[in-house]
C-alpha cells in the first residue's frame, strides 16, 4: 500500500462509505460554532470542546473507489486529503458475494485485504475492470442461499 495526496481517476465508485452530505455538514458546523460561542460566554470548557469536535467532524469525507492504480481509499478532513492505494499487483484473489441488491467485493492480499460494497447493477462493470487489470487473478462468487 502507498499513500499519496494526488487525486486519481475514478473507474467505479464503491457504496461502502455513505458521504456526509452538505445538508448535514452545515448544520453540524453551525451547531459546533454555537456551542463554542455559548461555552465561551458561560465559561464552560466542555461546551467549547464539544463544539470544536462538531466543527472538526463536519469537514470529514471518505470514499472508496476503483482506479487505474488499484483500489483506493480517500479520506478528506477539511483541506487535507489522505489517499491509500491497494495496487493491482498486490491483489491475490477477489471474492464477490451477493447480498440482496448489493455486491460485496473482497480484495485479498496475503492474509488480509480490503472490502468494498457495490450496487448490483455495477457487477458487470466491476468484472470487466477486474478482467482488464488483473486477468491472472481468480475471481470467485459466493452466492447467498
N, C-alpha and C. Protein backbone atom coordinates (compact mmCIF):
# COMPACT_ATOMS: atom_id res chain seq x y z
N UNK A 1 0.84 -1.17 0.00
CA UNK A 1 0.00 0.00 0.00
C UNK A 1 0.88 1.23 0.00
N UNK A 2 0.36 2.28 -0.56
CA UNK A 2 1.10 3.54 -0.55
C UNK A 2 0.14 4.67 -0.28
N UNK A 3 0.65 5.75 0.19
CA UNK A 3 -0.17 6.93 0.44
C UNK A 3 0.31 8.06 -0.44
N UNK A 4 -0.63 8.85 -0.91
CA UNK A 4 -0.29 9.98 -1.74
C UNK A 4 -1.38 11.01 -1.61
N UNK A 5 -1.10 12.24 -1.96
CA UNK A 5 -2.07 13.30 -1.86
C UNK A 5 -2.72 13.63 -3.18
N UNK A 6 -2.43 12.87 -4.22
CA UNK A 6 -2.95 13.18 -5.54
C UNK A 6 -4.28 12.50 -5.79
N UNK A 7 -5.15 13.16 -6.54
CA UNK A 7 -6.43 12.58 -6.90
C UNK A 7 -6.24 11.67 -8.11
N UNK A 8 -6.86 10.51 -8.08
CA UNK A 8 -6.72 9.54 -9.16
C UNK A 8 -8.00 9.44 -9.94
N UNK A 9 -7.89 8.92 -11.17
CA UNK A 9 -9.08 8.77 -11.99
C UNK A 9 -9.95 7.65 -11.45
N UNK A 10 -11.20 7.93 -11.31
CA UNK A 10 -12.16 7.01 -10.72
C UNK A 10 -12.83 6.18 -11.80
N UNK A 11 -12.67 4.84 -11.73
CA UNK A 11 -13.30 3.95 -12.69
C UNK A 11 -14.67 3.49 -12.19
N UNK A 12 -14.77 3.22 -10.88
CA UNK A 12 -16.04 2.74 -10.29
C UNK A 12 -16.06 3.12 -8.82
N UNK A 13 -17.09 3.86 -8.42
CA UNK A 13 -17.23 4.31 -7.04
C UNK A 13 -17.94 3.25 -6.20
N UNK A 14 -17.38 2.96 -5.05
CA UNK A 14 -17.97 1.99 -4.13
C UNK A 14 -19.06 2.66 -3.30
N UNK A 15 -20.01 1.85 -2.88
CA UNK A 15 -21.07 2.33 -1.99
C UNK A 15 -20.72 2.06 -0.53
N UNK A 16 -19.47 1.68 -0.27
CA UNK A 16 -19.04 1.32 1.09
C UNK A 16 -19.18 2.46 2.07
N UNK A 17 -18.96 3.65 1.61
CA UNK A 17 -18.97 4.80 2.50
C UNK A 17 -20.08 5.75 2.08
N UNK A 18 -20.99 6.00 3.00
CA UNK A 18 -22.06 6.95 2.72
C UNK A 18 -21.50 8.34 2.98
N UNK A 19 -21.56 9.23 2.00
CA UNK A 19 -20.97 10.56 2.20
C UNK A 19 -21.71 11.36 3.26
N UNK A 20 -20.96 12.19 3.95
CA UNK A 20 -21.51 13.11 4.94
C UNK A 20 -22.03 14.29 4.15
N UNK A 21 -23.32 14.28 3.83
CA UNK A 21 -23.88 15.25 2.89
C UNK A 21 -23.84 16.67 3.44
N UNK A 22 -23.88 17.63 2.51
CA UNK A 22 -23.79 19.04 2.89
C UNK A 22 -24.97 19.49 3.73
N UNK A 23 -26.15 18.89 3.53
CA UNK A 23 -27.30 19.30 4.33
C UNK A 23 -27.16 18.89 5.78
N UNK A 24 -26.25 17.96 6.07
CA UNK A 24 -25.93 17.60 7.45
C UNK A 24 -24.68 18.35 7.92
N UNK A 25 -23.69 18.50 7.04
CA UNK A 25 -22.43 19.11 7.43
C UNK A 25 -22.60 20.56 7.88
N UNK A 26 -23.40 21.33 7.16
CA UNK A 26 -23.57 22.74 7.53
C UNK A 26 -24.28 22.91 8.87
N UNK A 27 -25.38 22.20 9.15
CA UNK A 27 -25.97 22.32 10.49
C UNK A 27 -25.04 21.85 11.62
N UNK A 28 -24.25 20.81 11.37
CA UNK A 28 -23.30 20.33 12.38
C UNK A 28 -22.24 21.41 12.63
N UNK A 29 -21.77 22.03 11.55
CA UNK A 29 -20.80 23.13 11.67
C UNK A 29 -21.42 24.28 12.47
N UNK A 30 -22.66 24.65 12.12
CA UNK A 30 -23.35 25.74 12.82
C UNK A 30 -23.56 25.45 14.29
N UNK A 31 -23.97 24.20 14.61
CA UNK A 31 -24.16 23.81 15.99
C UNK A 31 -22.84 23.87 16.75
N UNK A 32 -21.78 23.43 16.10
CA UNK A 32 -20.46 23.50 16.73
C UNK A 32 -20.05 24.93 17.03
N UNK A 33 -20.30 25.82 16.09
CA UNK A 33 -19.99 27.24 16.28
C UNK A 33 -20.79 27.81 17.45
N UNK A 34 -22.09 27.48 17.49
CA UNK A 34 -22.93 27.98 18.59
C UNK A 34 -22.49 27.43 19.95
N UNK A 35 -22.10 26.16 19.99
CA UNK A 35 -21.62 25.58 21.24
C UNK A 35 -20.33 26.26 21.71
N UNK A 36 -19.44 26.55 20.77
CA UNK A 36 -18.20 27.24 21.14
C UNK A 36 -18.52 28.64 21.67
N UNK A 37 -19.39 29.36 20.98
CA UNK A 37 -19.74 30.72 21.41
C UNK A 37 -20.40 30.68 22.80
N UNK A 38 -21.33 29.76 22.99
CA UNK A 38 -22.01 29.67 24.29
C UNK A 38 -21.03 29.23 25.37
N UNK A 39 -20.13 28.31 25.05
CA UNK A 39 -19.13 27.86 26.02
C UNK A 39 -18.21 28.97 26.46
N UNK A 40 -17.85 29.84 25.53
CA UNK A 40 -17.01 30.99 25.88
C UNK A 40 -17.81 31.97 26.75
N UNK A 41 -19.06 32.19 26.37
CA UNK A 41 -19.91 33.16 27.07
C UNK A 41 -20.18 32.74 28.51
N UNK A 42 -20.46 31.46 28.75
CA UNK A 42 -20.78 30.99 30.10
C UNK A 42 -19.60 30.28 30.78
N UNK A 43 -18.44 30.35 30.18
CA UNK A 43 -17.20 29.76 30.72
C UNK A 43 -17.35 28.26 31.01
N UNK A 44 -17.78 27.52 29.97
CA UNK A 44 -17.90 26.07 30.09
C UNK A 44 -16.99 25.41 29.06
N UNK A 45 -15.80 25.01 29.49
CA UNK A 45 -14.85 24.42 28.55
C UNK A 45 -15.36 23.17 27.85
N UNK A 46 -16.23 22.38 28.52
CA UNK A 46 -16.73 21.17 27.88
C UNK A 46 -17.60 21.51 26.67
N UNK A 47 -18.34 22.60 26.69
CA UNK A 47 -19.12 23.00 25.52
C UNK A 47 -18.21 23.46 24.39
N UNK A 48 -17.13 24.13 24.74
CA UNK A 48 -16.15 24.55 23.73
C UNK A 48 -15.55 23.32 23.06
N UNK A 49 -15.20 22.33 23.86
CA UNK A 49 -14.62 21.09 23.33
C UNK A 49 -15.61 20.34 22.43
N UNK A 50 -16.86 20.24 22.88
CA UNK A 50 -17.88 19.56 22.06
C UNK A 50 -18.12 20.33 20.77
N UNK A 51 -18.20 21.64 20.85
CA UNK A 51 -18.39 22.47 19.65
C UNK A 51 -17.24 22.31 18.67
N UNK A 52 -16.01 22.29 19.18
CA UNK A 52 -14.84 22.10 18.32
C UNK A 52 -14.87 20.73 17.65
N UNK A 53 -15.33 19.72 18.38
CA UNK A 53 -15.46 18.38 17.81
C UNK A 53 -16.49 18.37 16.69
N UNK A 54 -17.62 19.05 16.88
CA UNK A 54 -18.64 19.14 15.83
C UNK A 54 -18.08 19.82 14.58
N UNK A 55 -17.36 20.92 14.76
CA UNK A 55 -16.78 21.63 13.61
C UNK A 55 -15.77 20.74 12.90
N UNK A 56 -14.94 20.05 13.67
CA UNK A 56 -13.95 19.14 13.10
C UNK A 56 -14.63 18.03 12.29
N UNK A 57 -15.69 17.44 12.85
CA UNK A 57 -16.39 16.33 12.19
C UNK A 57 -17.14 16.78 10.94
N UNK A 58 -17.56 18.03 10.88
CA UNK A 58 -18.32 18.50 9.71
C UNK A 58 -17.46 18.57 8.45
N UNK A 59 -16.15 18.53 8.59
CA UNK A 59 -15.27 18.57 7.42
C UNK A 59 -14.77 17.22 6.97
N UNK A 60 -15.31 16.13 7.52
CA UNK A 60 -14.84 14.78 7.23
C UNK A 60 -15.55 14.19 6.01
N UNK A 61 -14.79 13.64 5.07
CA UNK A 61 -15.33 12.94 3.89
C UNK A 61 -14.48 11.70 3.65
N UNK A 62 -15.13 10.61 3.27
CA UNK A 62 -14.39 9.38 2.95
C UNK A 62 -15.08 8.70 1.78
N UNK A 63 -14.26 8.14 0.87
CA UNK A 63 -14.82 7.38 -0.24
C UNK A 63 -13.84 6.29 -0.64
N UNK A 64 -14.40 5.24 -1.23
CA UNK A 64 -13.62 4.10 -1.72
C UNK A 64 -13.99 3.93 -3.19
N UNK A 65 -12.97 3.79 -4.04
CA UNK A 65 -13.25 3.61 -5.46
C UNK A 65 -12.16 2.80 -6.13
N UNK A 66 -12.49 2.31 -7.32
CA UNK A 66 -11.51 1.59 -8.13
C UNK A 66 -10.94 2.55 -9.15
N UNK A 67 -9.60 2.56 -9.24
CA UNK A 67 -8.92 3.43 -10.21
C UNK A 67 -8.01 2.58 -11.09
N UNK A 68 -7.30 3.24 -11.97
CA UNK A 68 -6.35 2.54 -12.84
C UNK A 68 -5.18 1.97 -12.04
N UNK A 69 -4.94 2.52 -10.84
CA UNK A 69 -3.83 2.06 -9.99
C UNK A 69 -4.21 0.93 -9.06
N UNK A 70 -5.52 0.72 -8.82
CA UNK A 70 -5.98 -0.32 -7.90
C UNK A 70 -7.17 0.18 -7.11
N UNK A 71 -7.36 -0.40 -5.92
CA UNK A 71 -8.44 0.01 -5.03
C UNK A 71 -7.94 1.19 -4.19
N UNK A 72 -8.74 2.25 -4.10
CA UNK A 72 -8.31 3.49 -3.45
C UNK A 72 -9.25 3.85 -2.32
N UNK A 73 -8.67 4.19 -1.16
CA UNK A 73 -9.42 4.76 -0.04
C UNK A 73 -8.95 6.19 0.11
N UNK A 74 -9.89 7.10 0.01
CA UNK A 74 -9.56 8.52 0.09
C UNK A 74 -10.30 9.14 1.28
N UNK A 75 -9.55 9.72 2.20
CA UNK A 75 -10.12 10.36 3.38
C UNK A 75 -9.76 11.84 3.34
N UNK A 76 -10.79 12.67 3.43
CA UNK A 76 -10.57 14.12 3.43
C UNK A 76 -11.04 14.68 4.77
N UNK A 77 -10.23 15.53 5.32
CA UNK A 77 -10.57 16.24 6.54
C UNK A 77 -10.22 17.70 6.31
N UNK A 78 -11.24 18.47 6.06
CA UNK A 78 -11.11 19.86 5.67
C UNK A 78 -10.23 19.94 4.42
N UNK A 79 -9.09 20.51 4.47
CA UNK A 79 -8.27 20.66 3.25
C UNK A 79 -7.22 19.58 3.10
N UNK A 80 -7.10 18.70 4.06
CA UNK A 80 -6.11 17.62 3.99
C UNK A 80 -6.74 16.37 3.41
N UNK A 81 -6.04 15.75 2.47
CA UNK A 81 -6.52 14.52 1.86
C UNK A 81 -5.47 13.43 2.04
N UNK A 82 -5.94 12.27 2.47
CA UNK A 82 -5.06 11.11 2.59
C UNK A 82 -5.59 10.03 1.67
N UNK A 83 -4.74 9.57 0.79
CA UNK A 83 -5.12 8.55 -0.18
C UNK A 83 -4.26 7.32 0.04
N UNK A 84 -4.92 6.17 0.19
CA UNK A 84 -4.22 4.90 0.35
C UNK A 84 -4.65 3.99 -0.79
N UNK A 85 -3.66 3.37 -1.44
CA UNK A 85 -3.94 2.54 -2.61
C UNK A 85 -3.53 1.10 -2.35
N UNK A 86 -4.42 0.18 -2.70
CA UNK A 86 -4.08 -1.24 -2.76
C UNK A 86 -3.83 -1.53 -4.23
N UNK A 87 -2.55 -1.59 -4.65
CA UNK A 87 -2.24 -1.76 -6.08
C UNK A 87 -2.72 -3.10 -6.63
N UNK A 88 -3.00 -3.10 -7.92
CA UNK A 88 -3.43 -4.33 -8.60
C UNK A 88 -2.42 -5.45 -8.39
N UNK A 89 -1.13 -5.10 -8.37
CA UNK A 89 -0.08 -6.13 -8.27
C UNK A 89 -0.10 -6.87 -6.93
N UNK A 90 -0.70 -6.30 -5.89
CA UNK A 90 -0.73 -6.93 -4.58
C UNK A 90 -1.98 -7.78 -4.35
N UNK A 91 -2.95 -7.70 -5.26
CA UNK A 91 -4.20 -8.44 -5.09
C UNK A 91 -3.99 -9.88 -5.56
N UNK A 92 -4.23 -10.83 -4.64
CA UNK A 92 -4.01 -12.25 -4.93
C UNK A 92 -5.30 -12.99 -5.28
N UNK A 93 -6.44 -12.50 -4.81
CA UNK A 93 -7.71 -13.17 -5.05
C UNK A 93 -8.84 -12.17 -4.82
N UNK A 94 -9.93 -12.31 -5.58
CA UNK A 94 -11.11 -11.47 -5.40
C UNK A 94 -12.32 -12.38 -5.22
N UNK A 95 -13.09 -12.12 -4.17
CA UNK A 95 -14.33 -12.87 -3.94
C UNK A 95 -15.49 -11.89 -3.98
N UNK A 96 -16.51 -12.23 -4.75
CA UNK A 96 -17.71 -11.40 -4.85
C UNK A 96 -18.85 -12.13 -4.15
N UNK A 97 -19.51 -11.44 -3.24
CA UNK A 97 -20.64 -12.02 -2.51
C UNK A 97 -21.87 -11.15 -2.72
N UNK A 98 -22.98 -11.80 -3.08
CA UNK A 98 -24.24 -11.07 -3.29
C UNK A 98 -25.03 -11.05 -2.00
N UNK A 99 -25.54 -9.87 -1.67
CA UNK A 99 -26.44 -9.70 -0.53
C UNK A 99 -27.54 -8.77 -0.96
N UNK A 100 -28.68 -9.33 -1.30
CA UNK A 100 -29.80 -8.52 -1.77
C UNK A 100 -29.46 -7.82 -3.07
N UNK A 101 -29.55 -6.50 -3.07
CA UNK A 101 -29.24 -5.71 -4.27
C UNK A 101 -27.83 -5.14 -4.23
N UNK A 102 -26.96 -5.72 -3.41
CA UNK A 102 -25.58 -5.26 -3.27
C UNK A 102 -24.62 -6.40 -3.56
N UNK A 103 -23.42 -6.03 -3.96
CA UNK A 103 -22.34 -6.99 -4.17
C UNK A 103 -21.16 -6.53 -3.32
N UNK A 104 -20.70 -7.43 -2.44
CA UNK A 104 -19.54 -7.13 -1.61
C UNK A 104 -18.33 -7.77 -2.28
N UNK A 105 -17.30 -6.96 -2.52
CA UNK A 105 -16.08 -7.46 -3.14
C UNK A 105 -14.98 -7.51 -2.08
N UNK A 106 -14.38 -8.69 -1.92
CA UNK A 106 -13.26 -8.87 -1.00
C UNK A 106 -11.99 -8.95 -1.83
N UNK A 107 -11.11 -7.97 -1.68
CA UNK A 107 -9.85 -7.93 -2.40
C UNK A 107 -8.78 -8.43 -1.45
N UNK A 108 -8.33 -9.67 -1.66
CA UNK A 108 -7.38 -10.30 -0.75
C UNK A 108 -5.94 -10.08 -1.21
N UNK A 109 -5.11 -9.76 -0.21
CA UNK A 109 -3.67 -9.69 -0.44
C UNK A 109 -3.01 -10.33 0.76
N UNK A 110 -2.23 -11.33 0.51
CA UNK A 110 -1.61 -12.12 1.59
C UNK A 110 -2.69 -12.60 2.56
N UNK A 111 -2.57 -12.26 3.83
CA UNK A 111 -3.52 -12.74 4.83
C UNK A 111 -4.71 -11.78 4.97
N UNK A 112 -4.46 -10.52 4.73
CA UNK A 112 -5.51 -9.51 4.90
C UNK A 112 -6.01 -9.02 3.55
N UNK A 113 -6.85 -8.03 3.58
CA UNK A 113 -7.35 -7.45 2.34
C UNK A 113 -8.31 -6.31 2.62
N UNK A 114 -8.97 -5.86 1.57
CA UNK A 114 -9.93 -4.77 1.67
C UNK A 114 -11.29 -5.27 1.22
N UNK A 115 -12.32 -4.60 1.69
CA UNK A 115 -13.69 -4.93 1.33
C UNK A 115 -14.34 -3.67 0.75
N UNK A 116 -15.13 -3.85 -0.29
CA UNK A 116 -15.85 -2.73 -0.89
C UNK A 116 -17.25 -3.19 -1.29
N UNK A 117 -18.21 -2.31 -1.16
CA UNK A 117 -19.60 -2.60 -1.46
C UNK A 117 -20.01 -1.89 -2.75
N UNK A 118 -20.66 -2.63 -3.64
CA UNK A 118 -21.11 -2.06 -4.92
C UNK A 118 -22.59 -2.37 -5.14
N UNK A 119 -23.23 -1.56 -5.95
CA UNK A 119 -24.61 -1.83 -6.34
C UNK A 119 -24.66 -3.04 -7.25
N UNK A 120 -25.79 -3.73 -7.26
CA UNK A 120 -25.98 -4.92 -8.08
C UNK A 120 -25.73 -4.64 -9.56
N UNK A 121 -26.20 -3.48 -10.04
CA UNK A 121 -26.02 -3.17 -11.46
C UNK A 121 -24.58 -2.83 -11.83
N UNK A 122 -23.70 -2.62 -10.82
CA UNK A 122 -22.29 -2.34 -11.08
C UNK A 122 -21.45 -3.61 -11.26
N UNK A 123 -22.03 -4.79 -10.97
CA UNK A 123 -21.25 -6.03 -11.04
C UNK A 123 -20.64 -6.30 -12.42
N UNK A 124 -21.38 -6.16 -13.52
CA UNK A 124 -20.74 -6.40 -14.83
C UNK A 124 -19.56 -5.46 -15.09
N UNK A 125 -19.71 -4.20 -14.73
CA UNK A 125 -18.61 -3.24 -14.92
C UNK A 125 -17.44 -3.60 -14.02
N UNK A 126 -17.72 -4.02 -12.78
CA UNK A 126 -16.67 -4.44 -11.85
C UNK A 126 -15.90 -5.63 -12.42
N UNK A 127 -16.62 -6.63 -12.92
CA UNK A 127 -15.96 -7.81 -13.51
C UNK A 127 -15.11 -7.43 -14.72
N UNK A 128 -15.60 -6.51 -15.54
CA UNK A 128 -14.84 -6.06 -16.71
C UNK A 128 -13.55 -5.37 -16.28
N UNK A 129 -13.64 -4.49 -15.28
CA UNK A 129 -12.45 -3.80 -14.78
C UNK A 129 -11.44 -4.81 -14.23
N UNK A 130 -11.92 -5.76 -13.44
CA UNK A 130 -11.02 -6.77 -12.88
C UNK A 130 -10.37 -7.61 -13.97
N UNK A 131 -11.14 -7.96 -14.99
CA UNK A 131 -10.59 -8.75 -16.10
C UNK A 131 -9.53 -7.96 -16.87
N UNK A 132 -9.71 -6.65 -16.99
CA UNK A 132 -8.74 -5.81 -17.71
C UNK A 132 -7.46 -5.58 -16.93
N UNK A 133 -7.57 -5.38 -15.60
CA UNK A 133 -6.40 -5.00 -14.81
C UNK A 133 -5.70 -6.17 -14.12
N UNK A 134 -6.45 -7.22 -13.76
CA UNK A 134 -5.84 -8.38 -13.11
C UNK A 134 -6.42 -9.68 -13.70
N UNK A 135 -6.16 -9.93 -14.99
CA UNK A 135 -6.74 -11.12 -15.62
C UNK A 135 -6.24 -12.44 -15.03
N UNK A 136 -5.05 -12.43 -14.42
CA UNK A 136 -4.48 -13.66 -13.88
C UNK A 136 -5.02 -14.01 -12.49
N UNK A 137 -5.74 -13.09 -11.86
CA UNK A 137 -6.26 -13.31 -10.50
C UNK A 137 -7.62 -13.98 -10.57
N UNK A 138 -7.78 -15.03 -9.73
CA UNK A 138 -9.06 -15.76 -9.69
C UNK A 138 -10.14 -14.89 -9.04
N UNK A 139 -11.33 -14.90 -9.64
CA UNK A 139 -12.48 -14.20 -9.10
C UNK A 139 -13.53 -15.25 -8.76
N UNK A 140 -13.80 -15.42 -7.48
CA UNK A 140 -14.81 -16.40 -7.08
C UNK A 140 -16.09 -15.66 -6.68
N UNK A 141 -17.21 -16.38 -6.83
CA UNK A 141 -18.51 -15.80 -6.49
C UNK A 141 -19.15 -16.62 -5.38
N UNK A 142 -19.57 -15.90 -4.34
CA UNK A 142 -20.26 -16.53 -3.21
C UNK A 142 -21.71 -16.17 -3.33
N UNK A 143 -22.56 -17.17 -3.55
CA UNK A 143 -23.99 -16.93 -3.69
C UNK A 143 -24.68 -17.07 -2.35
N UNK A 144 -25.63 -16.19 -2.08
CA UNK A 144 -26.41 -16.25 -0.84
C UNK A 144 -27.51 -17.28 -1.01
N UNK A 145 -27.69 -18.15 -0.02
CA UNK A 145 -28.74 -19.18 -0.08
C UNK A 145 -30.02 -18.69 0.48
